[in-house]
Amino acid sequence: MRKNSNKNRRINGEVQKVISEAIRYSKDPRISPFTSVMDVEVAPDLKTCKVWVSVMGNDEDRERTQEGLKSAAGYIRSTLAKELNMRYTPELRFIMDDSIEYAINMSKKIDEVTARDNEARKARGEDISDSDEVEAEEDQED
């Protein structure tokens, strides 16, 4: 099976769903309730699986969740075997993904720059209501 085949994409999607549910219902207290499975990549031979996980919180929460996921890997793998009828049940490798945290930080920085820009416009005596109306119109279109 090729890496980017339709079959591999479907398997990745199904494995991601099952792993997400298994993590949600895991009883390990170290796993943060704000844990999201961002992506899953099952190897073409179905023997290994990389799971990208994002955790909202501080570094301590991430480390504890990483430990909890390593500990719960057997439970998650057995759940995967029960839910999906695959030739092999892949060995899971959890990788921390900081993309959500990065996006939130970038959004905050953009908001800060926009606020400073509006303050500078007010200080120069420019009318900022025009830019606010354009933003409001764009929001309504979405």
C-alpha atoms as a PDB file:
ATOM      1  CA  MET A   1       0.000   0.000   0.000  1.00  0.00           C
ATOM      2  CA  ARG A   2       1.353   3.409  -0.953  1.00  0.00           C
ATOM      3  CA  LYS A   3       1.769   6.108   1.648  1.00  0.00           C
ATOM      4  CA  ASN A   4      -0.710   8.614   0.174  1.00  0.00           C
ATOM      5  CA  SER A   5      -3.258   6.219  -1.267  1.00  0.00           C
ATOM      6  CA  ASN A   6      -6.971   6.636  -0.598  1.00  0.00           C
ATOM      7  CA  LYS A   7      -6.952   3.464   1.481  1.00  0.00           C
ATOM      8  CA  ASN A   8      -4.137   4.794   3.683  1.00  0.00           C
ATOM      9  CA  ARG A   9      -5.959   8.134   4.155  1.00  0.00           C
ATOM     10  CA  ARG A  10      -9.138   6.314   5.202  1.00  0.00           C
ATOM     11  CA  ILE A  11      -7.213   4.124   7.630  1.00  0.00           C
ATOM     12  CA  ASN A  12      -5.519   7.217   9.095  1.00  0.00           C
ATOM     13  CA  GLY A  13      -8.904   8.887   9.588  1.00  0.00           C
ATOM     14  CA  GLU A  14     -10.476   5.879  11.269  1.00  0.00           C
ATOM     15  CA  VAL A  15      -7.455   5.310  13.507  1.00  0.00           C
ATOM     16  CA  GLN A  16      -7.541   8.988  14.505  1.00  0.00           C
ATOM     17  CA  LYS A  17     -11.213   8.736  15.484  1.00  0.00           C
ATOM     18  CA  VAL A  18     -10.694   5.616  17.585  1.00  0.00           C
ATOM     19  CA  ILE A  19      -7.583   6.989  19.310  1.00  0.00           C
ATOM     20  CA  SER A  20      -9.364  10.270  20.083  1.00  0.00           C
ATOM     21  CA  GLU A  21     -12.254   8.405  21.692  1.00  0.00           C
ATOM     22  CA  ALA A  22      -9.908   6.108  23.611  1.00  0.00           C
ATOM     23  CA  ILE A  23      -7.985   9.088  24.991  1.00  0.00           C
ATOM     24  CA  ARG A  24     -11.210  10.857  25.926  1.00  0.00           C
ATOM     25  CA  TYR A  25     -12.442   7.847  27.912  1.00  0.00           C
ATOM     26  CA  SER A  26      -9.053   6.939  29.374  1.00  0.00           C
ATOM     27  CA  LYS A  27      -9.054   6.860  33.156  1.00  0.00           C
ATOM     28  CA  ASP A  28      -5.416   7.917  33.555  1.00  0.00           C
ATOM     29  CA  PRO A  29      -5.469  11.145  35.621  1.00  0.00           C
ATOM     30  CA  ARG A  30      -2.214  12.328  34.040  1.00  0.00           C
ATOM     31  CA  ILE A  31      -3.857  12.774  30.646  1.00  0.00           C
ATOM     32  CA  SER A  32      -5.167  16.317  30.358  1.00  0.00           C
ATOM     33  CA  PRO A  33      -8.844  16.729  29.417  1.00  0.00           C
ATOM     34  CA  PHE A  34      -7.660  19.327  26.882  1.00  0.00           C
ATOM     35  CA  THR A  35      -5.846  16.765  24.749  1.00  0.00           C
ATOM     36  CA  SER A  36      -6.527  16.698  21.005  1.00  0.00           C
ATOM     37  CA  VAL A  37      -5.319  14.232  18.399  1.00  0.00           C
ATOM     38  CA  MET A  38      -4.158  16.490  15.597  1.00  0.00           C
ATOM     39  CA  ASP A  39      -3.019  13.933  13.051  1.00  0.00           C
ATOM     40  CA  VAL A  40      -2.269  10.243  12.653  1.00  0.00           C
ATOM     41  CA  GLU A  41       0.069   8.574  10.204  1.00  0.00           C
ATOM     42  CA  VAL A  42      -0.126   4.800   9.940  1.00  0.00           C
ATOM     43  CA  ALA A  43       2.812   3.230   8.132  1.00  0.00           C
ATOM     44  CA  PRO A  44       1.979   1.479   4.849  1.00  0.00           C
ATOM     45  CA  ASP A  45       2.789  -1.903   6.445  1.00  0.00           C
ATOM     46  CA  LEU A  46       0.292  -1.112   9.276  1.00  0.00           C
ATOM     47  CA  LYS A  47       2.841  -1.965  11.966  1.00  0.00           C
ATOM     48  CA  THR A  48       3.604   1.499  13.346  1.00  0.00           C
ATOM     49  CA  CYS A  49       1.601   4.651  13.877  1.00  0.00           C
ATOM     50  CA  LYS A  50       2.689   8.205  14.665  1.00  0.00           C
ATOM     51  CA  VAL A  51       0.088  10.151  16.647  1.00  0.00           C
ATOM     52  CA  TRP A  52       0.447  13.933  16.869  1.00  0.00           C
ATOM     53  CA  VAL A  53      -1.162  15.175  20.069  1.00  0.00           C
ATOM     54  CA  SER A  54      -1.785  18.744  21.204  1.00  0.00           C
ATOM     55  CA  VAL A  55      -2.328  19.657  24.850  1.00  0.00           C
ATOM     56  CA  MET A  56      -3.652  23.007  26.020  1.00  0.00           C
ATOM     57  CA  GLY A  57      -1.868  24.082  29.170  1.00  0.00           C
ATOM     58  CA  ASN A  58       1.601  24.621  30.537  1.00  0.00           C
ATOM     59  CA  ASP A  59       4.737  22.518  30.053  1.00  0.00           C
ATOM     60  CA  GLU A  60       3.982  20.459  33.161  1.00  0.00           C
ATOM     61  CA  ASP A  61       0.578  19.463  31.738  1.00  0.00           C
ATOM     62  CA  ARG A  62       2.232  18.433  28.468  1.00  0.00           C
ATOM     63  CA  GLU A  63       4.867  16.319  30.225  1.00  0.00           C
ATOM     64  CA  ARG A  64       2.295  14.607  32.455  1.00  0.00           C
ATOM     65  CA  THR A  65       0.045  13.941  29.461  1.00  0.00           C
ATOM     66  CA  GLN A  66       3.006  12.526  27.511  1.00  0.00           C
ATOM     67  CA  GLU A  67       3.757  10.147  30.391  1.00  0.00           C
ATOM     68  CA  GLY A  68       0.087   9.215  30.694  1.00  0.00           C
ATOM     69  CA  LEU A  69      -0.188   8.496  26.976  1.00  0.00           C
ATOM     70  CA  LYS A  70       2.898   6.285  27.056  1.00  0.00           C
ATOM     71  CA  SER A  71       1.393   4.428  29.989  1.00  0.00           C
ATOM     72  CA  ALA A  72      -2.026   4.120  28.315  1.00  0.00           C
ATOM     73  CA  ALA A  73      -0.596   3.087  24.921  1.00  0.00           C
ATOM     74  CA  GLY A  74      -1.478  -0.579  25.568  1.00  0.00           C
ATOM     75  CA  TYR A  75      -5.082   0.284  26.435  1.00  0.00           C
ATOM     76  CA  ILE A  76      -5.382   2.562  23.398  1.00  0.00           C
ATOM     77  CA  ARG A  77      -3.847  -0.091  21.153  1.00  0.00           C
ATOM     78  CA  SER A  78      -6.231  -2.773  22.460  1.00  0.00           C
ATOM     79  CA  THR A  79      -9.176  -0.420  21.889  1.00  0.00           C
ATOM     80  CA  LEU A  80      -7.906   0.120  18.360  1.00  0.00           C
ATOM     81  CA  ALA A  81      -7.758  -3.652  17.814  1.00  0.00           C
ATOM     82  CA  LYS A  82     -11.323  -4.104  19.098  1.00  0.00           C
ATOM     83  CA  GLU A  83     -12.801  -1.248  17.046  1.00  0.00           C
ATOM     84  CA  LEU A  84     -10.996  -1.725  13.735  1.00  0.00           C
ATOM     85  CA  ASN A  85     -10.542  -4.974  11.869  1.00  0.00           C
ATOM     86  CA  MET A  86      -7.000  -4.544  10.576  1.00  0.00           C
ATOM     87  CA  ARG A  87      -4.368  -7.100   9.662  1.00  0.00           C
ATOM     88  CA  TYR A  88      -2.013  -5.665  12.305  1.00  0.00           C
ATOM     89  CA  THR A  89      -2.647  -3.378  15.225  1.00  0.00           C
ATOM     90  CA  PRO A  90      -0.005  -0.680  14.892  1.00  0.00           C
ATOM     91  CA  GLU A  91       2.431   0.200  17.641  1.00  0.00           C
ATOM     92  CA  LEU A  92       1.662   3.755  18.751  1.00  0.00           C
ATOM     93  CA  ARG A  93       4.204   6.560  19.055  1.00  0.00           C
ATOM     94  CA  PHE A  94       2.919   9.822  20.529  1.00  0.00           C
ATOM     95  CA  ILE A  95       4.456  13.088  19.355  1.00  0.00           C
ATOM     96  CA  MET A  96       3.619  16.429  20.971  1.00  0.00           C
ATOM     97  CA  ASP A  97       2.259  19.023  18.540  1.00  0.00           C
ATOM     98  CA  ASP A  98       2.325  22.701  19.505  1.00  0.00           C
ATOM     99  CA  SER A  99       0.400  24.023  16.487  1.00  0.00           C
ATOM    100  CA  ILE A 100      -2.729  25.086  18.418  1.00  0.00           C
ATOM    101  CA  GLU A 101      -0.690  26.932  21.036  1.00  0.00           C
ATOM    102  CA  TYR A 102       1.358  28.566  18.267  1.00  0.00           C
ATOM    103  CA  ALA A 103      -1.810  29.696  16.472  1.00  0.00           C
ATOM    104  CA  ILE A 104      -3.243  31.184  19.689  1.00  0.00           C
ATOM    105  CA  ASN A 105      -0.008  33.075  20.369  1.00  0.00           C
ATOM    106  CA  MET A 106       0.074  34.404  16.791  1.00  0.00           C
ATOM    107  CA  SER A 107      -3.542  35.523  17.072  1.00  0.00           C
ATOM    108  CA  LYS A 108      -2.747  37.397  20.308  1.00  0.00           C
ATOM    109  CA  LYS A 109       0.243  39.089  18.655  1.00  0.00           C
ATOM    110  CA  ILE A 110      -1.892  40.152  15.695  1.00  0.00           C
ATOM    111  CA  ASP A 111      -4.498  41.595  18.066  1.00  0.00           C
ATOM    112  CA  GLU A 112      -1.781  43.502  19.960  1.00  0.00           C
ATOM    113  CA  VAL A 113      -0.326  44.951  16.745  1.00  0.00           C
ATOM    114  CA  THR A 114      -3.793  45.948  15.539  1.00  0.00           C
ATOM    115  CA  ALA A 115      -4.539  47.668  18.861  1.00  0.00           C
ATOM    116  CA  ARG A 116      -1.222  49.571  18.762  1.00  0.00           C
ATOM    117  CA  ASP A 117      -1.868  50.546  15.149  1.00  0.00           C
ATOM    118  CA  ASN A 118      -5.319  51.904  16.059  1.00  0.00           C
ATOM    119  CA  GLU A 119      -3.824  53.856  18.996  1.00  0.00           C
ATOM    120  CA  ALA A 120      -1.200  55.358  16.694  1.00  0.00           C
ATOM    121  CA  ARG A 121      -3.928  56.352  14.216  1.00  0.00           C
ATOM    122  CA  LYS A 122      -5.913  58.019  17.009  1.00  0.00           C
ATOM    123  CA  ALA A 123      -2.789  59.890  18.143  1.00  0.00           C
ATOM    124  CA  ARG A 124      -2.272  61.206  14.586  1.00  0.00           C
ATOM    125  CA  GLY A 125      -5.914  62.221  14.414  1.00  0.00           C
ATOM    126  CA  GLU A 126      -6.865  59.764  11.675  1.00  0.00           C
ATOM    127  CA  ASP A 127     -10.372  58.366  11.505  1.00  0.00           C
ATOM    128  CA  ILE A 128     -10.206  54.658  12.373  1.00  0.00           C
ATOM    129  CA  SER A 129     -13.950  54.071  12.017  1.00  0.00           C
ATOM    130  CA  ASP A 130     -13.468  53.313   8.302  1.00  0.00           C
ATOM    131  CA  SER A 131     -11.196  50.359   9.034  1.00  0.00           C
ATOM    132  CA  ASP A 132     -13.582  49.124  11.737  1.00  0.00           C
ATOM    133  CA  GLU A 133     -16.505  49.214   9.283  1.00  0.00           C
ATOM    134  CA  VAL A 134     -14.526  47.223   6.716  1.00  0.00           C
ATOM    135  CA  GLU A 135     -13.665  44.606   9.371  1.00  0.00           C
ATOM    136  CA  ALA A 136     -17.316  44.439  10.481  1.00  0.00           C
ATOM    137  CA  GLU A 137     -18.438  43.901   6.867  1.00  0.00           C
ATOM    138  CA  GLU A 138     -15.855  41.121   6.439  1.00  0.00           C
ATOM    139  CA  ASP A 139     -17.060  39.430   9.640  1.00  0.00           C
ATOM    140  CA  GLN A 140     -20.675  39.541   8.443  1.00  0.00           C
ATOM    141  CA  GLU A 141     -19.707  37.912   5.128  1.00  0.00           C
ATOM    142  CA  ASP A 142     -18.135  34.954   6.974  1.00  0.00           C
END
